[in-house]
């Protein structure tokens, strides 16, 4: 069993590495170019594959990690929602898939916040991370449903949603590299990439203004 888990971890790390490299590359190259789209596709495949593999690993003997499980789901949500946002370039209403993706993440965000609050009350470790990422996920999904209701009245909202989600997924990849790759597991190493990445997302939101 342990050998199987090790193989899965190696595949998980390999796919995550592909996501990290192509994610950084997609930011560097010209947005909307063929190369950007190719790297974006590889990034999506790498991140979803890595996250899907992390989910069963997080439930295997001696590797149980509820936080890893929830972060894996969070990353899958970011990639799926980021790619789904592109479909709003040619449509004005959210379909069932859009609502299910955001709705599931909304429920898991509430679960994360609840676990964090419970942890605080019982002096559990990682409690602040449950609250931090849970609140972040809750905010994103609330914005999703506002976007779904107003998408027909805005211009470039789909692009801002796409950029925000995909950069968020890249932040997850960078964080995983710092924690697992470099072995830096401090609280600041968990939170700082998200804080800095949020400023980068704000920068792009201002650059790509929504015209009503």
N, C-alpha and C. Protein backbone atom coordinates (compact mmCIF):
# COMPACT_ATOMS: atom_id res chain seq x y z
N UNK A 1 0.82 -1.21 0.00
CA UNK A 1 0.00 0.00 0.00
C UNK A 1 0.86 1.27 0.00
N UNK A 2 1.90 1.26 0.84
CA UNK A 2 2.76 2.44 0.95
C UNK A 2 3.47 2.75 -0.36
N UNK A 3 3.88 1.69 -1.08
CA UNK A 3 4.53 1.90 -2.38
C UNK A 3 3.57 2.54 -3.38
N UNK A 4 2.32 2.11 -3.34
CA UNK A 4 1.30 2.69 -4.21
C UNK A 4 1.09 4.16 -3.89
N UNK A 5 1.07 4.48 -2.60
CA UNK A 5 0.91 5.86 -2.17
C UNK A 5 2.08 6.72 -2.64
N UNK A 6 3.29 6.17 -2.54
CA UNK A 6 4.49 6.91 -2.98
C UNK A 6 4.41 7.21 -4.48
N UNK A 7 3.97 6.23 -5.26
CA UNK A 7 3.84 6.44 -6.70
C UNK A 7 2.82 7.54 -6.99
N UNK A 8 1.69 7.50 -6.27
CA UNK A 8 0.67 8.52 -6.45
C UNK A 8 1.20 9.90 -6.08
N UNK A 9 2.00 9.95 -5.03
CA UNK A 9 2.58 11.24 -4.60
C UNK A 9 3.53 11.78 -5.66
N UNK A 10 4.33 10.89 -6.27
CA UNK A 10 5.24 11.31 -7.33
C UNK A 10 4.48 11.84 -8.54
N UNK A 11 3.40 11.14 -8.91
CA UNK A 11 2.58 11.59 -10.04
C UNK A 11 1.92 12.93 -9.70
N UNK A 12 1.43 13.02 -8.47
CA UNK A 12 0.83 14.26 -7.98
C UNK A 12 1.81 15.42 -8.09
N UNK A 13 3.05 15.20 -7.65
CA UNK A 13 4.07 16.25 -7.69
C UNK A 13 4.44 16.60 -9.13
N UNK A 14 4.52 15.58 -10.00
CA UNK A 14 4.86 15.81 -11.41
C UNK A 14 3.80 16.67 -12.09
N UNK A 15 2.55 16.30 -11.89
CA UNK A 15 1.45 17.07 -12.50
C UNK A 15 1.42 18.49 -11.93
N UNK A 16 1.67 18.60 -10.62
CA UNK A 16 1.72 19.93 -10.01
C UNK A 16 2.85 20.77 -10.58
N UNK A 17 3.99 20.12 -10.86
CA UNK A 17 5.13 20.83 -11.46
C UNK A 17 4.79 21.35 -12.85
N UNK A 18 4.09 20.54 -13.62
CA UNK A 18 3.64 20.99 -14.95
C UNK A 18 2.72 22.20 -14.81
N UNK A 19 1.81 22.11 -13.84
CA UNK A 19 0.91 23.24 -13.60
C UNK A 19 1.65 24.50 -13.21
N UNK A 20 2.64 24.36 -12.34
CA UNK A 20 3.41 25.53 -11.88
C UNK A 20 4.17 26.18 -13.03
N UNK A 21 4.87 25.38 -13.83
CA UNK A 21 5.68 25.91 -14.93
C UNK A 21 4.82 26.56 -16.00
N UNK A 22 3.77 25.85 -16.43
CA UNK A 22 2.92 26.40 -17.49
C UNK A 22 2.07 27.56 -16.99
N UNK A 23 1.74 27.54 -15.70
CA UNK A 23 0.98 28.66 -15.13
C UNK A 23 1.79 29.95 -15.14
N UNK A 24 3.05 29.85 -14.74
CA UNK A 24 3.93 31.02 -14.78
C UNK A 24 4.15 31.45 -16.22
N UNK A 25 4.31 30.47 -17.10
CA UNK A 25 4.52 30.78 -18.51
C UNK A 25 3.33 31.49 -19.12
N UNK A 26 2.12 31.08 -18.75
CA UNK A 26 0.91 31.71 -19.31
C UNK A 26 0.75 33.15 -18.86
N UNK A 27 1.34 33.49 -17.73
CA UNK A 27 1.31 34.89 -17.26
C UNK A 27 2.31 35.73 -18.04
N UNK A 28 3.46 35.12 -18.35
CA UNK A 28 4.53 35.86 -19.01
C UNK A 28 4.20 36.17 -20.47
N UNK A 29 3.64 35.18 -21.19
CA UNK A 29 3.37 35.37 -22.62
C UNK A 29 2.17 36.29 -22.82
N UNK A 30 1.98 36.73 -24.05
CA UNK A 30 0.89 37.64 -24.37
C UNK A 30 -0.46 36.99 -24.15
N UNK A 31 -1.34 37.69 -23.42
CA UNK A 31 -2.66 37.17 -23.13
C UNK A 31 -3.48 37.02 -24.42
N UNK A 32 -4.14 35.89 -24.57
CA UNK A 32 -4.97 35.64 -25.74
C UNK A 32 -4.23 35.04 -26.92
N UNK A 33 -2.90 34.95 -26.83
CA UNK A 33 -2.13 34.38 -27.93
C UNK A 33 -2.30 32.86 -27.95
N UNK A 34 -1.89 32.24 -29.05
CA UNK A 34 -2.00 30.79 -29.17
C UNK A 34 -1.15 30.10 -28.10
N UNK A 35 0.03 30.65 -27.83
CA UNK A 35 0.90 30.07 -26.81
C UNK A 35 0.28 30.18 -25.43
N UNK A 36 -0.37 31.32 -25.17
CA UNK A 36 -1.05 31.51 -23.89
C UNK A 36 -2.15 30.47 -23.70
N UNK A 37 -2.91 30.21 -24.75
CA UNK A 37 -3.99 29.22 -24.68
C UNK A 37 -3.44 27.82 -24.48
N UNK A 38 -2.33 27.49 -25.18
CA UNK A 38 -1.74 26.17 -25.03
C UNK A 38 -1.22 25.96 -23.62
N UNK A 39 -0.53 26.97 -23.10
CA UNK A 39 -0.02 26.86 -21.74
C UNK A 39 -1.17 26.81 -20.73
N UNK A 40 -2.21 27.57 -21.02
CA UNK A 40 -3.38 27.55 -20.14
C UNK A 40 -4.03 26.19 -20.08
N UNK A 41 -4.10 25.51 -21.23
CA UNK A 41 -4.68 24.16 -21.27
C UNK A 41 -3.81 23.17 -20.49
N UNK A 42 -2.49 23.27 -20.66
CA UNK A 42 -1.58 22.39 -19.91
C UNK A 42 -1.65 22.68 -18.42
N UNK A 43 -1.79 23.96 -18.08
CA UNK A 43 -1.91 24.35 -16.69
C UNK A 43 -3.16 23.73 -16.07
N UNK A 44 -4.26 23.82 -16.78
CA UNK A 44 -5.53 23.28 -16.29
C UNK A 44 -5.43 21.76 -16.10
N UNK A 45 -4.87 21.08 -17.09
CA UNK A 45 -4.73 19.62 -17.01
C UNK A 45 -3.82 19.24 -15.84
N UNK A 46 -2.70 19.94 -15.72
CA UNK A 46 -1.75 19.64 -14.65
C UNK A 46 -2.34 19.86 -13.27
N UNK A 47 -3.02 20.98 -13.07
CA UNK A 47 -3.57 21.31 -11.76
C UNK A 47 -4.73 20.40 -11.37
N UNK A 48 -5.62 20.13 -12.32
CA UNK A 48 -6.75 19.25 -12.01
C UNK A 48 -6.26 17.83 -11.74
N UNK A 49 -5.32 17.35 -12.55
CA UNK A 49 -4.78 16.00 -12.34
C UNK A 49 -4.11 15.89 -10.98
N UNK A 50 -3.28 16.89 -10.65
CA UNK A 50 -2.58 16.88 -9.37
C UNK A 50 -3.57 16.92 -8.20
N UNK A 51 -4.59 17.75 -8.33
CA UNK A 51 -5.58 17.89 -7.26
C UNK A 51 -6.43 16.63 -7.11
N UNK A 52 -6.81 16.03 -8.23
CA UNK A 52 -7.61 14.80 -8.18
C UNK A 52 -6.84 13.68 -7.50
N UNK A 53 -5.54 13.61 -7.76
CA UNK A 53 -4.71 12.57 -7.13
C UNK A 53 -4.56 12.83 -5.64
N UNK A 54 -4.49 14.11 -5.26
CA UNK A 54 -4.30 14.45 -3.84
C UNK A 54 -5.51 14.06 -2.99
N UNK A 55 -6.69 13.98 -3.62
CA UNK A 55 -7.91 13.67 -2.87
C UNK A 55 -7.88 12.26 -2.28
N UNK A 56 -7.61 11.19 -3.07
CA UNK A 56 -7.53 9.86 -2.45
C UNK A 56 -6.34 9.72 -1.51
N UNK A 57 -5.22 10.40 -1.84
CA UNK A 57 -4.05 10.32 -0.96
C UNK A 57 -4.40 10.84 0.44
N UNK A 58 -5.21 11.90 0.49
CA UNK A 58 -5.54 12.53 1.77
C UNK A 58 -6.41 11.63 2.66
N UNK A 59 -6.91 10.52 2.12
CA UNK A 59 -7.73 9.59 2.91
C UNK A 59 -7.04 8.25 3.13
N UNK A 60 -5.82 8.11 2.64
CA UNK A 60 -5.12 6.83 2.78
C UNK A 60 -4.45 6.70 4.15
N UNK A 61 -4.26 5.46 4.63
CA UNK A 61 -3.67 5.24 5.95
C UNK A 61 -2.32 5.94 6.13
N UNK A 62 -2.15 6.60 7.26
CA UNK A 62 -0.93 7.33 7.63
C UNK A 62 -0.74 8.61 6.79
N UNK A 63 -1.67 8.90 5.91
CA UNK A 63 -1.59 10.11 5.10
C UNK A 63 -2.88 10.93 5.20
N UNK A 64 -3.70 10.61 6.20
CA UNK A 64 -4.98 11.30 6.35
C UNK A 64 -4.75 12.79 6.57
N UNK A 65 -5.38 13.59 5.74
CA UNK A 65 -5.20 15.04 5.84
C UNK A 65 -6.45 15.73 5.27
N UNK A 66 -7.35 16.11 6.17
CA UNK A 66 -8.61 16.74 5.75
C UNK A 66 -8.35 18.07 5.06
N UNK A 67 -7.36 18.81 5.53
CA UNK A 67 -7.06 20.11 4.94
C UNK A 67 -6.58 19.94 3.50
N UNK A 68 -5.73 18.95 3.25
CA UNK A 68 -5.25 18.67 1.89
C UNK A 68 -6.43 18.32 0.99
N UNK A 69 -7.36 17.54 1.50
CA UNK A 69 -8.55 17.16 0.74
C UNK A 69 -9.35 18.40 0.33
N UNK A 70 -9.59 19.31 1.27
CA UNK A 70 -10.38 20.50 1.00
C UNK A 70 -9.65 21.46 0.05
N UNK A 71 -8.33 21.60 0.22
CA UNK A 71 -7.56 22.47 -0.67
C UNK A 71 -7.54 21.89 -2.08
N UNK A 72 -7.51 20.57 -2.20
CA UNK A 72 -7.58 19.93 -3.51
C UNK A 72 -8.88 20.27 -4.21
N UNK A 73 -9.99 20.21 -3.47
CA UNK A 73 -11.28 20.58 -4.02
C UNK A 73 -11.32 22.07 -4.40
N UNK A 74 -10.72 22.89 -3.55
CA UNK A 74 -10.68 24.34 -3.80
C UNK A 74 -9.94 24.62 -5.11
N UNK A 75 -8.82 23.95 -5.32
CA UNK A 75 -8.03 24.15 -6.53
C UNK A 75 -8.80 23.71 -7.77
N UNK A 76 -9.47 22.57 -7.68
CA UNK A 76 -10.28 22.10 -8.81
C UNK A 76 -11.37 23.11 -9.14
N UNK A 77 -12.00 23.66 -8.11
CA UNK A 77 -13.02 24.69 -8.31
C UNK A 77 -12.44 25.89 -9.06
N UNK A 78 -11.27 26.37 -8.63
CA UNK A 78 -10.66 27.55 -9.26
C UNK A 78 -10.40 27.32 -10.75
N UNK A 79 -9.88 26.14 -11.08
CA UNK A 79 -9.56 25.85 -12.48
C UNK A 79 -10.84 25.69 -13.31
N UNK A 80 -11.80 24.94 -12.77
CA UNK A 80 -13.05 24.74 -13.50
C UNK A 80 -13.80 26.06 -13.69
N UNK A 81 -13.94 26.82 -12.62
CA UNK A 81 -14.67 28.09 -12.71
C UNK A 81 -13.93 29.08 -13.61
N UNK A 82 -12.58 29.04 -13.56
CA UNK A 82 -11.81 29.94 -14.41
C UNK A 82 -12.00 29.64 -15.88
N UNK A 83 -12.06 28.36 -16.22
CA UNK A 83 -12.30 27.98 -17.61
C UNK A 83 -13.75 28.19 -18.02
N UNK A 84 -14.68 27.94 -17.10
CA UNK A 84 -16.10 28.16 -17.39
C UNK A 84 -16.36 29.65 -17.66
N UNK A 85 -15.59 30.53 -17.03
CA UNK A 85 -15.79 31.96 -17.23
C UNK A 85 -15.59 32.36 -18.69
N UNK A 86 -14.74 31.62 -19.39
CA UNK A 86 -14.49 31.93 -20.81
C UNK A 86 -15.74 31.73 -21.65
N UNK A 87 -16.62 30.83 -21.23
CA UNK A 87 -17.82 30.57 -22.01
C UNK A 87 -18.77 31.77 -22.01
N UNK A 88 -18.61 32.67 -21.03
CA UNK A 88 -19.49 33.84 -20.96
C UNK A 88 -19.12 34.91 -21.98
N UNK A 89 -18.07 34.66 -22.74
CA UNK A 89 -17.74 35.57 -23.83
C UNK A 89 -18.81 35.49 -24.90
N UNK A 90 -19.43 34.31 -25.02
CA UNK A 90 -20.43 34.09 -26.06
C UNK A 90 -21.80 33.72 -25.51
N UNK A 91 -22.00 33.87 -24.20
CA UNK A 91 -23.32 33.60 -23.63
C UNK A 91 -23.61 34.60 -22.53
N UNK A 92 -24.86 34.75 -22.18
CA UNK A 92 -25.24 35.77 -21.20
C UNK A 92 -25.84 35.20 -19.93
N UNK A 93 -26.08 33.89 -19.90
CA UNK A 93 -26.68 33.29 -18.72
C UNK A 93 -25.90 32.06 -18.28
N UNK A 94 -25.82 31.88 -16.96
CA UNK A 94 -25.14 30.72 -16.41
C UNK A 94 -25.99 29.47 -16.61
N UNK A 95 -25.34 28.34 -16.89
CA UNK A 95 -26.08 27.10 -17.02
C UNK A 95 -25.92 26.26 -15.75
N UNK A 96 -26.43 25.06 -15.77
CA UNK A 96 -26.43 24.21 -14.58
C UNK A 96 -25.02 23.89 -14.11
N UNK A 97 -24.10 23.65 -15.05
CA UNK A 97 -22.73 23.31 -14.68
C UNK A 97 -22.08 24.45 -13.90
N UNK A 98 -22.26 25.69 -14.38
CA UNK A 98 -21.70 26.85 -13.68
C UNK A 98 -22.21 26.91 -12.24
N UNK A 99 -23.50 26.73 -12.08
CA UNK A 99 -24.12 26.85 -10.76
C UNK A 99 -23.71 25.71 -9.84
N UNK A 100 -23.55 24.50 -10.40
CA UNK A 100 -23.14 23.36 -9.58
C UNK A 100 -21.71 23.54 -9.09
N UNK A 101 -20.80 23.96 -9.99
CA UNK A 101 -19.40 24.17 -9.61
C UNK A 101 -19.29 25.18 -8.47
N UNK A 102 -19.96 26.32 -8.62
CA UNK A 102 -19.91 27.35 -7.59
C UNK A 102 -20.67 26.94 -6.33
N UNK A 103 -21.80 26.25 -6.52
CA UNK A 103 -22.61 25.84 -5.38
C UNK A 103 -21.90 24.83 -4.49
N UNK A 104 -21.23 23.86 -5.10
CA UNK A 104 -20.48 22.86 -4.34
C UNK A 104 -19.36 23.53 -3.54
N UNK A 105 -18.64 24.47 -4.19
CA UNK A 105 -17.57 25.17 -3.49
C UNK A 105 -18.12 26.04 -2.37
N UNK A 106 -19.29 26.60 -2.58
CA UNK A 106 -19.94 27.40 -1.53
C UNK A 106 -20.18 26.55 -0.28
N UNK A 107 -20.67 25.34 -0.47
CA UNK A 107 -20.94 24.44 0.66
C UNK A 107 -19.65 24.04 1.37
N UNK A 108 -18.62 23.70 0.58
CA UNK A 108 -17.35 23.31 1.18
C UNK A 108 -16.67 24.49 1.88
N UNK A 109 -16.90 25.70 1.41
CA UNK A 109 -16.34 26.88 2.08
C UNK A 109 -16.96 27.05 3.46
N UNK A 110 -18.25 26.83 3.54
CA UNK A 110 -18.93 26.90 4.84
C UNK A 110 -18.40 25.81 5.78
N UNK A 111 -18.16 24.62 5.22
CA UNK A 111 -17.60 23.53 6.02
C UNK A 111 -16.22 23.91 6.55
N UNK A 112 -15.38 24.51 5.68
CA UNK A 112 -14.03 24.91 6.09
C UNK A 112 -14.08 25.95 7.21
N UNK A 113 -14.96 26.93 7.07
CA UNK A 113 -15.08 27.95 8.10
C UNK A 113 -15.56 27.33 9.42
N UNK A 114 -16.52 26.42 9.32
CA UNK A 114 -17.05 25.75 10.52
C UNK A 114 -15.96 24.93 11.21
N UNK A 115 -15.15 24.23 10.42
CA UNK A 115 -14.05 23.45 10.99
C UNK A 115 -13.03 24.37 11.66
N UNK A 116 -12.80 25.51 11.04
CA UNK A 116 -11.85 26.47 11.61
C UNK A 116 -12.34 27.02 12.94
N UNK A 117 -13.61 27.40 12.99
CA UNK A 117 -14.19 27.92 14.24
C UNK A 117 -14.16 26.85 15.33
N UNK A 118 -14.51 25.62 14.95
CA UNK A 118 -14.45 24.50 15.89
C UNK A 118 -13.02 24.31 16.39
N UNK A 119 -12.07 24.41 15.48
CA UNK A 119 -10.67 24.25 15.86
C UNK A 119 -10.20 25.32 16.82
N UNK A 120 -10.62 26.56 16.58
CA UNK A 120 -10.26 27.65 17.48
C UNK A 120 -10.77 27.36 18.90
N UNK A 121 -11.99 26.88 18.99
CA UNK A 121 -12.61 26.62 20.28
C UNK A 121 -11.95 25.45 21.01
N UNK A 122 -11.28 24.58 20.23
CA UNK A 122 -10.65 23.40 20.82
C UNK A 122 -9.13 23.40 20.66
N UNK A 123 -8.57 24.57 20.35
CA UNK A 123 -7.11 24.73 20.23
C UNK A 123 -6.48 23.75 19.23
N UNK A 124 -7.15 23.59 18.08
CA UNK A 124 -6.64 22.71 17.04
C UNK A 124 -5.67 23.48 16.13
N UNK A 125 -4.68 22.77 15.62
CA UNK A 125 -3.74 23.41 14.68
C UNK A 125 -4.41 23.61 13.33
N UNK A 126 -3.89 24.54 12.55
CA UNK A 126 -4.38 24.87 11.21
C UNK A 126 -5.76 25.52 11.21
N UNK A 127 -6.28 25.84 12.39
CA UNK A 127 -7.63 26.42 12.45
C UNK A 127 -7.74 27.71 11.65
N UNK A 128 -6.71 28.56 11.75
CA UNK A 128 -6.74 29.83 11.04
C UNK A 128 -6.72 29.61 9.53
N UNK A 129 -6.07 28.54 9.08
CA UNK A 129 -6.03 28.26 7.64
C UNK A 129 -7.38 27.82 7.12
N UNK A 130 -8.10 27.04 7.93
CA UNK A 130 -9.47 26.64 7.54
C UNK A 130 -10.35 27.88 7.38
N UNK A 131 -10.23 28.80 8.34
CA UNK A 131 -11.05 30.02 8.29
C UNK A 131 -10.62 30.90 7.13
N UNK A 132 -9.31 31.05 6.94
CA UNK A 132 -8.77 31.93 5.89
C UNK A 132 -9.21 31.46 4.51
N UNK A 133 -8.95 30.20 4.19
CA UNK A 133 -9.28 29.70 2.86
C UNK A 133 -10.78 29.48 2.70
N UNK A 134 -11.45 29.14 3.79
CA UNK A 134 -12.90 29.00 3.73
C UNK A 134 -13.57 30.32 3.42
N UNK A 135 -13.11 31.39 4.09
CA UNK A 135 -13.67 32.72 3.85
C UNK A 135 -13.35 33.18 2.43
N UNK A 136 -12.15 32.85 1.96
CA UNK A 136 -11.75 33.22 0.60
C UNK A 136 -12.64 32.52 -0.42
N UNK A 137 -12.89 31.23 -0.20
CA UNK A 137 -13.76 30.48 -1.09
C UNK A 137 -15.19 30.99 -1.05
N UNK A 138 -15.66 31.34 0.13
CA UNK A 138 -17.02 31.86 0.28
C UNK A 138 -17.18 33.17 -0.49
N UNK A 139 -16.17 34.03 -0.37
CA UNK A 139 -16.21 35.31 -1.08
C UNK A 139 -16.24 35.10 -2.59
N UNK A 140 -15.41 34.19 -3.08
CA UNK A 140 -15.36 33.94 -4.53
C UNK A 140 -16.68 33.39 -5.06
N UNK A 141 -17.29 32.47 -4.33
CA UNK A 141 -18.53 31.87 -4.81
C UNK A 141 -19.69 32.85 -4.75
N UNK A 142 -19.71 33.71 -3.75
CA UNK A 142 -20.74 34.75 -3.69
C UNK A 142 -20.60 35.68 -4.89
N UNK A 143 -19.35 36.02 -5.23
CA UNK A 143 -19.10 36.84 -6.41
C UNK A 143 -19.52 36.11 -7.68
N UNK A 144 -19.34 34.79 -7.70
CA UNK A 144 -19.76 33.99 -8.86
C UNK A 144 -21.25 34.19 -9.13
N UNK A 145 -22.06 34.04 -8.10
CA UNK A 145 -23.50 34.12 -8.30
C UNK A 145 -23.94 35.55 -8.63
N UNK A 146 -23.22 36.54 -8.12
CA UNK A 146 -23.50 37.92 -8.52
C UNK A 146 -23.16 38.11 -9.99
N UNK A 147 -22.05 37.49 -10.40
CA UNK A 147 -21.63 37.55 -11.80
C UNK A 147 -22.65 36.86 -12.70
N UNK A 148 -23.17 35.71 -12.27
CA UNK A 148 -24.16 34.99 -13.06
C UNK A 148 -25.43 35.82 -13.26
N UNK A 149 -25.79 36.58 -12.23
CA UNK A 149 -27.01 37.39 -12.30
C UNK A 149 -26.83 38.66 -13.13
N UNK A 150 -25.57 39.13 -13.23
CA UNK A 150 -25.33 40.41 -13.90
C UNK A 150 -24.50 40.29 -15.17
N UNK A 151 -24.16 39.05 -15.57
CA UNK A 151 -23.25 38.88 -16.70
C UNK A 151 -23.80 39.47 -17.99
N UNK A 152 -25.11 39.50 -18.15
CA UNK A 152 -25.68 40.02 -19.39
C UNK A 152 -25.62 41.55 -19.44
N UNK A 153 -25.30 42.19 -18.31
CA UNK A 153 -25.29 43.64 -18.26
C UNK A 153 -23.88 44.23 -18.24
N UNK A 154 -22.86 43.38 -18.27
CA UNK A 154 -21.50 43.86 -18.15
C UNK A 154 -20.66 43.43 -19.35
N UNK A 155 -19.56 44.12 -19.52
CA UNK A 155 -18.62 43.79 -20.58
C UNK A 155 -17.26 43.49 -19.95
N UNK A 156 -16.63 42.42 -20.40
CA UNK A 156 -15.33 41.98 -19.89
C UNK A 156 -15.40 41.39 -18.49
N UNK A 157 -16.60 41.22 -17.92
CA UNK A 157 -16.72 40.60 -16.60
C UNK A 157 -16.21 39.16 -16.67
N UNK A 158 -16.48 38.50 -17.79
CA UNK A 158 -16.03 37.11 -17.96
C UNK A 158 -14.50 37.02 -17.93
N UNK A 159 -13.85 38.03 -18.52
CA UNK A 159 -12.38 38.03 -18.57
C UNK A 159 -11.79 38.24 -17.18
N UNK A 160 -12.38 39.14 -16.42
CA UNK A 160 -11.90 39.39 -15.06
C UNK A 160 -12.11 38.15 -14.19
N UNK A 161 -13.26 37.50 -14.36
CA UNK A 161 -13.53 36.28 -13.60
C UNK A 161 -12.52 35.19 -13.97
N UNK A 162 -12.23 35.06 -15.25
CA UNK A 162 -11.26 34.06 -15.72
C UNK A 162 -9.88 34.34 -15.13
N UNK A 163 -9.43 35.58 -15.24
CA UNK A 163 -8.10 35.94 -14.73
C UNK A 163 -8.00 35.69 -13.23
N UNK A 164 -9.02 36.11 -12.50
CA UNK A 164 -9.00 35.96 -11.05
C UNK A 164 -8.91 34.50 -10.61
N UNK A 165 -9.72 33.64 -11.24
CA UNK A 165 -9.74 32.23 -10.86
C UNK A 165 -8.44 31.52 -11.25
N UNK A 166 -7.95 31.78 -12.46
CA UNK A 166 -6.74 31.09 -12.91
C UNK A 166 -5.51 31.54 -12.14
N UNK A 167 -5.44 32.83 -11.83
CA UNK A 167 -4.33 33.30 -11.00
C UNK A 167 -4.45 32.70 -9.61
N UNK A 168 -5.68 32.55 -9.13
CA UNK A 168 -5.89 31.91 -7.84
C UNK A 168 -5.38 30.47 -7.84
N UNK A 169 -5.62 29.74 -8.93
CA UNK A 169 -5.13 28.37 -9.05
C UNK A 169 -3.61 28.34 -9.10
N UNK A 170 -3.02 29.33 -9.77
CA UNK A 170 -1.56 29.42 -9.82
C UNK A 170 -1.00 29.70 -8.43
N UNK A 171 -1.70 30.52 -7.65
CA UNK A 171 -1.28 30.79 -6.27
C UNK A 171 -1.26 29.48 -5.48
N UNK A 172 -2.26 28.64 -5.71
CA UNK A 172 -2.31 27.34 -5.02
C UNK A 172 -1.11 26.49 -5.40
N UNK A 173 -0.72 26.55 -6.68
CA UNK A 173 0.43 25.79 -7.15
C UNK A 173 1.72 26.29 -6.51
N UNK A 174 1.88 27.60 -6.46
CA UNK A 174 3.07 28.20 -5.84
C UNK A 174 3.13 27.87 -4.36
N UNK A 175 1.99 27.94 -3.69
CA UNK A 175 1.93 27.62 -2.27
C UNK A 175 2.34 26.17 -2.03
N UNK A 176 1.83 25.26 -2.87
CA UNK A 176 2.18 23.84 -2.74
C UNK A 176 3.67 23.62 -2.93
N UNK A 177 4.27 24.35 -3.86
CA UNK A 177 5.71 24.23 -4.10
C UNK A 177 6.50 24.69 -2.88
N UNK A 178 6.06 25.79 -2.27
CA UNK A 178 6.76 26.31 -1.08
C UNK A 178 6.63 25.34 0.09
N UNK A 179 5.41 24.82 0.30
CA UNK A 179 5.15 23.94 1.44
C UNK A 179 5.78 22.56 1.25
N UNK A 180 5.47 21.93 0.11
CA UNK A 180 5.93 20.55 -0.11
C UNK A 180 7.31 20.48 -0.76
N UNK A 181 7.54 21.35 -1.76
CA UNK A 181 8.80 21.31 -2.48
C UNK A 181 9.98 21.84 -1.68
N UNK A 182 9.77 22.99 -1.07
CA UNK A 182 10.86 23.62 -0.30
C UNK A 182 10.82 23.22 1.17
N UNK A 183 9.73 22.61 1.59
CA UNK A 183 9.64 22.16 2.98
C UNK A 183 9.46 23.28 3.99
N UNK A 184 8.89 24.40 3.54
CA UNK A 184 8.66 25.53 4.44
C UNK A 184 7.18 25.51 4.84
N UNK A 185 6.91 25.06 6.04
CA UNK A 185 5.53 24.86 6.44
C UNK A 185 4.99 25.86 7.44
N UNK A 186 5.59 27.03 7.51
CA UNK A 186 5.15 28.04 8.47
C UNK A 186 3.80 28.64 8.04
N UNK A 187 3.15 29.28 8.98
CA UNK A 187 1.85 29.89 8.70
C UNK A 187 1.96 30.96 7.62
N UNK A 188 3.03 31.75 7.67
CA UNK A 188 3.21 32.84 6.70
C UNK A 188 3.39 32.28 5.29
N UNK A 189 4.01 31.10 5.16
CA UNK A 189 4.22 30.50 3.83
C UNK A 189 2.90 30.02 3.23
N UNK A 190 1.91 29.74 4.08
CA UNK A 190 0.59 29.36 3.60
C UNK A 190 -0.20 30.57 3.13
N UNK A 191 -0.08 31.66 3.86
CA UNK A 191 -0.94 32.82 3.63
C UNK A 191 -0.34 33.85 2.67
N UNK A 192 0.98 34.07 2.76
CA UNK A 192 1.62 35.15 1.98
C UNK A 192 1.38 35.04 0.47
N UNK A 193 1.52 33.85 -0.17
CA UNK A 193 1.27 33.78 -1.61
C UNK A 193 -0.13 34.23 -1.99
N UNK A 194 -1.12 33.90 -1.16
CA UNK A 194 -2.49 34.31 -1.44
C UNK A 194 -2.65 35.82 -1.31
N UNK A 195 -2.01 36.40 -0.30
CA UNK A 195 -2.09 37.85 -0.10
C UNK A 195 -1.45 38.59 -1.27
N UNK A 196 -0.23 38.17 -1.65
CA UNK A 196 0.46 38.82 -2.76
C UNK A 196 -0.29 38.58 -4.08
N UNK A 197 -0.79 37.36 -4.25
CA UNK A 197 -1.53 37.05 -5.46
C UNK A 197 -2.81 37.86 -5.58
N UNK A 198 -3.43 38.15 -4.45
CA UNK A 198 -4.65 38.96 -4.46
C UNK A 198 -4.37 40.36 -4.97
N UNK A 199 -3.23 40.92 -4.57
CA UNK A 199 -2.85 42.24 -5.09
C UNK A 199 -2.62 42.19 -6.60
N UNK A 200 -2.06 41.07 -7.07
CA UNK A 200 -1.83 40.92 -8.51
C UNK A 200 -3.17 40.83 -9.25
N UNK A 201 -4.13 40.13 -8.65
CA UNK A 201 -5.46 40.02 -9.25
C UNK A 201 -6.12 41.39 -9.30
N UNK A 202 -5.98 42.17 -8.23
CA UNK A 202 -6.55 43.53 -8.19
C UNK A 202 -5.93 44.39 -9.29
N UNK A 203 -4.63 44.21 -9.51
CA UNK A 203 -3.94 44.95 -10.57
C UNK A 203 -4.57 44.65 -11.93
N UNK A 204 -4.84 43.37 -12.21
CA UNK A 204 -5.43 43.00 -13.48
C UNK A 204 -6.88 43.45 -13.60
N UNK A 205 -7.57 43.46 -12.48
CA UNK A 205 -8.96 43.93 -12.51
C UNK A 205 -9.01 45.40 -12.89
N UNK A 206 -8.07 46.16 -12.40
CA UNK A 206 -8.02 47.59 -12.75
C UNK A 206 -7.57 47.79 -14.18
N UNK A 207 -6.73 46.89 -14.66
CA UNK A 207 -6.23 47.01 -16.03
C UNK A 207 -7.33 46.64 -17.04
N UNK A 208 -8.10 45.62 -16.67
CA UNK A 208 -9.20 45.19 -17.54
C UNK A 208 -10.49 45.68 -16.90
N UNK A 209 -10.84 46.91 -17.10
CA UNK A 209 -12.00 47.49 -16.44
C UNK A 209 -13.31 46.95 -17.02
N UNK A 210 -14.28 46.78 -16.15
CA UNK A 210 -15.62 46.39 -16.59
C UNK A 210 -16.35 47.63 -17.08
N UNK A 211 -16.84 47.58 -18.31
CA UNK A 211 -17.61 48.68 -18.87
C UNK A 211 -19.09 48.31 -18.85
N UNK A 212 -19.87 49.03 -18.11
CA UNK A 212 -21.29 48.72 -18.00
C UNK A 212 -22.06 49.41 -19.12
